[in-house]
N, C-alpha and C. Protein backbone atom coordinates (compact mmCIF):
# COMPACT_ATOMS: atom_id res chain seq x y z
N MET A 1 90.25 -87.37 47.74
CA MET A 1 91.29 -86.55 48.33
C MET A 1 90.73 -85.63 49.39
N GLU A 2 89.42 -85.68 49.55
CA GLU A 2 88.74 -84.84 50.53
C GLU A 2 88.99 -83.35 50.31
N GLU A 3 89.19 -82.96 49.06
CA GLU A 3 89.34 -81.55 48.68
C GLU A 3 88.20 -81.21 47.74
N THR A 4 87.55 -80.09 47.97
CA THR A 4 86.41 -79.74 47.13
C THR A 4 86.58 -78.41 46.40
N THR A 5 87.69 -77.73 46.63
CA THR A 5 87.88 -76.42 46.03
C THR A 5 89.04 -76.45 45.05
N GLY A 6 88.81 -75.93 43.87
CA GLY A 6 89.85 -75.83 42.86
C GLY A 6 89.33 -75.03 41.68
N PHE A 7 90.24 -74.72 40.76
CA PHE A 7 89.88 -73.85 39.66
C PHE A 7 90.80 -74.12 38.48
N CYS A 8 90.24 -74.24 37.29
CA CYS A 8 91.01 -74.36 36.06
C CYS A 8 90.38 -73.45 35.02
N GLN A 9 91.16 -72.53 34.51
CA GLN A 9 90.67 -71.60 33.49
C GLN A 9 91.65 -71.59 32.33
N MET A 10 91.13 -71.61 31.12
CA MET A 10 91.97 -71.56 29.93
C MET A 10 91.75 -70.25 29.19
N VAL A 11 92.83 -69.73 28.65
CA VAL A 11 92.76 -68.57 27.76
C VAL A 11 93.02 -69.11 26.36
N VAL A 12 92.01 -68.94 25.50
CA VAL A 12 92.04 -69.58 24.19
C VAL A 12 91.82 -68.53 23.10
N ASP A 13 92.60 -68.63 22.02
CA ASP A 13 92.41 -67.77 20.86
C ASP A 13 91.11 -68.17 20.17
N LYS A 14 90.20 -67.22 20.04
CA LYS A 14 88.88 -67.52 19.50
C LYS A 14 88.95 -68.00 18.05
N ALA A 15 89.84 -67.43 17.26
CA ALA A 15 89.91 -67.79 15.85
C ALA A 15 90.50 -69.18 15.62
N SER A 16 91.56 -69.52 16.34
CA SER A 16 92.25 -70.79 16.09
C SER A 16 91.92 -71.88 17.10
N ASP A 17 91.30 -71.52 18.24
CA ASP A 17 90.98 -72.43 19.34
C ASP A 17 92.23 -72.93 20.06
N ARG A 18 93.36 -72.30 19.81
CA ARG A 18 94.61 -72.71 20.46
C ARG A 18 94.73 -72.11 21.85
N LEU A 19 95.29 -72.90 22.73
CA LEU A 19 95.49 -72.49 24.12
C LEU A 19 96.62 -71.47 24.20
N LEU A 20 96.32 -70.31 24.79
CA LEU A 20 97.32 -69.24 24.96
C LEU A 20 97.87 -69.18 26.37
N GLY A 21 97.10 -69.65 27.34
CA GLY A 21 97.51 -69.63 28.73
C GLY A 21 96.48 -70.33 29.58
N ALA A 22 96.81 -70.48 30.86
CA ALA A 22 95.89 -71.16 31.77
C ALA A 22 96.19 -70.76 33.20
N THR A 23 95.18 -70.87 34.04
CA THR A 23 95.32 -70.66 35.48
C THR A 23 94.79 -71.90 36.17
N LEU A 24 95.58 -72.44 37.07
CA LEU A 24 95.18 -73.58 37.88
C LEU A 24 95.39 -73.23 39.33
N MET A 25 94.38 -73.45 40.15
CA MET A 25 94.49 -73.22 41.58
C MET A 25 93.86 -74.38 42.32
N GLY A 26 94.44 -74.73 43.43
CA GLY A 26 93.90 -75.78 44.26
C GLY A 26 94.92 -76.86 44.54
N PRO A 27 94.53 -77.82 45.37
CA PRO A 27 95.43 -78.91 45.70
C PRO A 27 95.83 -79.69 44.45
N HIS A 28 97.08 -79.99 44.32
CA HIS A 28 97.61 -80.81 43.22
C HIS A 28 97.55 -80.11 41.86
N ALA A 29 97.45 -78.79 41.84
CA ALA A 29 97.43 -78.06 40.57
C ALA A 29 98.72 -78.31 39.79
N THR A 30 99.82 -78.48 40.50
CA THR A 30 101.09 -78.73 39.80
C THR A 30 101.11 -80.08 39.09
N ASP A 31 100.21 -80.98 39.46
CA ASP A 31 100.11 -82.26 38.76
C ASP A 31 99.41 -82.13 37.42
N LEU A 32 98.73 -81.02 37.20
CA LEU A 32 97.93 -80.83 35.99
C LEU A 32 98.58 -79.90 34.96
N VAL A 33 99.50 -79.07 35.40
CA VAL A 33 100.02 -78.01 34.55
C VAL A 33 100.77 -78.54 33.32
N HIS A 34 101.33 -79.73 33.40
CA HIS A 34 102.13 -80.26 32.30
C HIS A 34 101.31 -80.49 31.04
N GLU A 35 100.11 -80.98 31.20
CA GLU A 35 99.23 -81.20 30.05
C GLU A 35 98.97 -79.89 29.31
N LEU A 36 98.72 -78.85 30.07
CA LEU A 36 98.43 -77.55 29.46
C LEU A 36 99.68 -76.95 28.82
N GLY A 37 100.83 -77.16 29.44
CA GLY A 37 102.09 -76.69 28.85
C GLY A 37 102.37 -77.36 27.52
N LEU A 38 102.13 -78.65 27.43
CA LEU A 38 102.31 -79.36 26.16
C LEU A 38 101.32 -78.89 25.11
N ALA A 39 100.10 -78.64 25.53
CA ALA A 39 99.09 -78.14 24.58
C ALA A 39 99.53 -76.80 24.00
N MET A 40 100.07 -75.93 24.84
CA MET A 40 100.54 -74.64 24.35
C MET A 40 101.76 -74.81 23.44
N LEU A 41 102.69 -75.65 23.83
CA LEU A 41 103.92 -75.86 23.06
C LEU A 41 103.64 -76.40 21.66
N TYR A 42 102.69 -77.33 21.56
CA TYR A 42 102.43 -77.99 20.28
C TYR A 42 101.19 -77.48 19.55
N GLY A 43 100.59 -76.40 20.04
CA GLY A 43 99.46 -75.80 19.33
C GLY A 43 98.20 -76.63 19.35
N ILE A 44 98.03 -77.42 20.40
CA ILE A 44 96.83 -78.26 20.52
C ILE A 44 95.64 -77.37 20.86
N THR A 45 94.51 -77.62 20.25
CA THR A 45 93.34 -76.78 20.47
C THR A 45 92.60 -77.18 21.74
N ALA A 46 91.75 -76.29 22.21
CA ALA A 46 90.92 -76.58 23.38
C ALA A 46 90.02 -77.77 23.10
N ARG A 47 89.48 -77.84 21.89
CA ARG A 47 88.63 -78.97 21.53
C ARG A 47 89.41 -80.29 21.63
N GLU A 48 90.65 -80.29 21.17
CA GLU A 48 91.47 -81.50 21.23
C GLU A 48 91.81 -81.89 22.67
N VAL A 49 92.07 -80.91 23.52
CA VAL A 49 92.31 -81.20 24.94
C VAL A 49 91.07 -81.84 25.54
N GLY A 50 89.91 -81.32 25.22
CA GLY A 50 88.66 -81.87 25.73
C GLY A 50 88.38 -83.28 25.24
N LEU A 51 88.79 -83.59 24.02
CA LEU A 51 88.56 -84.91 23.45
C LEU A 51 89.52 -85.97 23.99
N MET A 52 90.65 -85.52 24.54
CA MET A 52 91.63 -86.46 25.09
C MET A 52 91.02 -87.20 26.28
N ILE A 53 91.33 -88.46 26.42
CA ILE A 53 90.80 -89.25 27.53
C ILE A 53 91.42 -88.77 28.83
N HIS A 54 90.58 -88.47 29.81
CA HIS A 54 90.99 -88.11 31.17
C HIS A 54 90.36 -89.13 32.11
N ALA A 55 91.18 -89.79 32.90
CA ALA A 55 90.69 -90.85 33.78
C ALA A 55 89.67 -90.30 34.77
N HIS A 56 88.73 -91.17 35.15
CA HIS A 56 87.68 -90.81 36.11
C HIS A 56 87.69 -91.84 37.23
N PRO A 57 87.61 -91.43 38.44
CA PRO A 57 87.57 -90.05 38.96
C PRO A 57 88.97 -89.56 39.27
N THR A 58 89.36 -88.46 38.66
CA THR A 58 90.66 -87.84 38.92
C THR A 58 90.53 -86.33 38.87
N ILE A 59 91.54 -85.65 39.39
CA ILE A 59 91.54 -84.19 39.31
C ILE A 59 91.81 -83.71 37.89
N ALA A 60 92.36 -84.59 37.04
CA ALA A 60 92.62 -84.22 35.64
C ALA A 60 91.33 -83.91 34.89
N GLU A 61 90.22 -84.39 35.38
CA GLU A 61 88.94 -84.07 34.74
C GLU A 61 88.64 -82.57 34.77
N ALA A 62 89.26 -81.85 35.68
CA ALA A 62 89.07 -80.39 35.72
C ALA A 62 89.61 -79.75 34.45
N VAL A 63 90.72 -80.26 33.95
CA VAL A 63 91.29 -79.75 32.70
C VAL A 63 90.36 -80.06 31.54
N MET A 64 89.88 -81.29 31.49
CA MET A 64 88.95 -81.69 30.43
C MET A 64 87.69 -80.82 30.45
N ASP A 65 87.15 -80.60 31.63
CA ASP A 65 85.92 -79.82 31.73
C ASP A 65 86.16 -78.36 31.33
N ALA A 66 87.30 -77.79 31.71
CA ALA A 66 87.61 -76.42 31.32
C ALA A 66 87.73 -76.32 29.80
N ALA A 67 88.32 -77.34 29.18
CA ALA A 67 88.44 -77.34 27.72
C ALA A 67 87.06 -77.43 27.07
N HIS A 68 86.19 -78.25 27.61
CA HIS A 68 84.82 -78.34 27.08
C HIS A 68 84.06 -77.03 27.31
N GLU A 69 84.31 -76.38 28.43
CA GLU A 69 83.58 -75.15 28.76
C GLU A 69 83.93 -74.01 27.80
N VAL A 70 85.11 -74.07 27.17
CA VAL A 70 85.47 -73.08 26.15
C VAL A 70 84.37 -73.02 25.08
N HIS A 71 83.76 -74.16 24.82
CA HIS A 71 82.69 -74.25 23.81
C HIS A 71 81.31 -74.40 24.43
N GLY A 72 81.21 -74.06 25.73
CA GLY A 72 79.91 -74.09 26.42
C GLY A 72 79.40 -75.49 26.68
N MET A 73 80.30 -76.48 26.75
CA MET A 73 79.88 -77.87 26.90
C MET A 73 80.41 -78.52 28.18
N GLY A 74 80.86 -77.72 29.14
CA GLY A 74 81.41 -78.29 30.37
C GLY A 74 80.33 -78.94 31.23
N LEU A 75 80.70 -80.01 31.89
CA LEU A 75 79.74 -80.71 32.77
C LEU A 75 79.75 -80.17 34.18
N TYR A 76 80.91 -79.70 34.66
CA TYR A 76 81.05 -79.34 36.05
C TYR A 76 81.27 -77.85 36.28
N ALA A 77 81.51 -77.09 35.23
CA ALA A 77 81.79 -75.65 35.38
C ALA A 77 80.58 -74.96 36.01
N GLY A 78 80.86 -74.05 36.86
CA GLY A 78 79.77 -73.40 37.54
C GLY A 78 79.60 -72.01 37.17
């Protein structure tokens, strides 16, 4: 997509690992927000979001990496 700038941050409850909120910025951020909305609605944990298959190479990997970074395991987080 010739875009190199973007940001995905999750706000997660430390005790339950449930997603409380998220910030997405960058091109096509609106294409990613639905996954995070469903995670919040159904109480899906950050670990579960990270374990979900995210196609490669896609911008959806930003969500996966942010979920992994909650536990210090992100590949691309800087």
